[in-house]
Amino acid sequence: MIRPAATARHPSHPGRMLVVDDDRRAASHAAQWLCGLGWHAGAVGSADEALQLLARERHAACIVDGLLPGEGARRIATSLRLTSPGTGVVLMVPDGPAAAPARRIDADGVVILPVRDADLLDAVGAAVEAGKRRAAAVGGPRSASRMMGTSPAMQQVLDLAARLADAPATLLITGESGTGKSLLAREIHRTSRRQAARFVEVACGCLSETLLESELFGHVAGAFTGATTDRDGKFLQADGGTIFLDEIATATPAMQVKLLRVLQDLRFEPVGGTETRTVDARVILATHEDLGTLVNEGRFRADLFWRVNVITIEMPPLRERTGDIPLMAARFLQAAVERGGRAVEGFTPEALAVLCQHRWPGNVRELQHAVEHAVFLGRGPAVTVGDLPAAVRSGAATGFAGRGTGADRIASGGDSPERTGLIKRSLVDPERRLILEALERANWRRDAAARALGINRTTLYKKLKRLGLNLADIPGAR
């Protein structure tokens, strides 16, 4: 399937490459061409062969025929994201609608057949660099942000955070609960000139006003019952470093007044004391609430709002960066396996598909809990759909139903209970879902859908029959 030209660029840092194509002659020809350019390239003719080889040897990149039979390209890409995130993935696909499913595979580059040598080498180069970035995020020397993701949305956040690491202004981090605001604050501190000093975190929503004031500013002996000795507060502990005030919207009006003063000049008095303390600390605040709305409702001081709303970084919810889910899930899996002592190799493709389809109202925190649930309660060598929490399984089905496919038209168009039951089953079963999506994209033409799925028409009919899918029951199907 690859038709390289005679001239091409040599890689500056040759590595191991694998070409996967069910046309073995084409795969071998492409591998020989890459070897001539300095790569250590090999060729295989199926997804199973590729997965066995990729498990034994680390590769810089893998060039895959996007229409391999049996969802082979998706299996390879998914496996590499979980087991070898440093391996780049390049897909080869034909032009036209038949390649639409392959284009949605999580790959680092896509080239259109017949492949031009320059396009292929550009895609390989980009894929190798993307793999290096993922490898660094997972376990490189700067691995503090390993769980923050490598998606474009998170890269924008991290780029902004890097530019602001040494800015003198107060930072406000916003975003839904569980998106990783605390982790971002730590990353900002770690990349700043203050990294050698302390990072001090205060959960404002967990303390009463009296305790919060003492926690932040300290107290002197006798300030209140139980205060038998002087105690330094968090601001003093963060002198020279960074103090992170989480859920600042929960501060009471009286505490907001005190915070306004300390944010203006970093001066305060301990509870019960008269001596004014001055510190040099970077202040980062966070909230999952809309402070502007709270100001309009009279629940948050306008002057404090303008004081903290100098520079704002918004953490994107997990549902807007689903490309980060496989990498984060793999890291959570590894941590859970180490804690639980149970051997779990990874996720089945169906389980990973469910993780990527769920809307994640609890964001990264919910993902971590879901993976831990699956590891601690599962029984097999890999996490299956059944091992995941019920809320994640049902959430994935709901998320798919909201995508506007012919499937959800059955469930929402006043159809019979039998039809509704049929589509509910299809939403849970990834194979049913993939077939229905392929059929609708092909305008319900069985031959085109079969080609898109990498199977022949007869196999598609057998699958439809086995899965109990009667196309006559689907509005719009022909």
Foldseek 3Di string as FASTA:
>chain_A
DEDEDDDDAADPDAWEEEEEALVQVVRQVVQVVNVVSPHNYDYDHALVVVVVVCVVDPTLEYEYALLGAPRSLLVNLLVCLQPPLLYAYEYEYADDLLQVVSVPRPHQYYAHPNGYRHRVVVSSVSRSVSSVVLVCCCDNPLPLNVLLFDFPQSVVLVVVLLVCLAPQAEEEEEEAAQLCPVSSVLSSQCNHPLVVADEAEDEVQVDDQVVVLCQAAWAAAPLDPPRHHTDGHPLVSQFSGAYEYEAPLNHAPVVLVVVLVCLVFVWDHHRVGDDIDHGDYHYYYYHHDDVVVCVVVVSHPPSSCVRNVPHYRYRDFCLVGLVRLSSNLSSLLVVLCVVQVDAADEADPLLSLLSSQANPSNGSVVSSVQSNQLVNPPDDNYRYNVSGDPNSLVRSLVSLLPPPFLLVCQCPVPHDPVSNVLSSVLSNDVVSVLLSVLCVSVQNDQQSSCSSNSHGSVVSVVVCVVSVNDQVRGPSHD
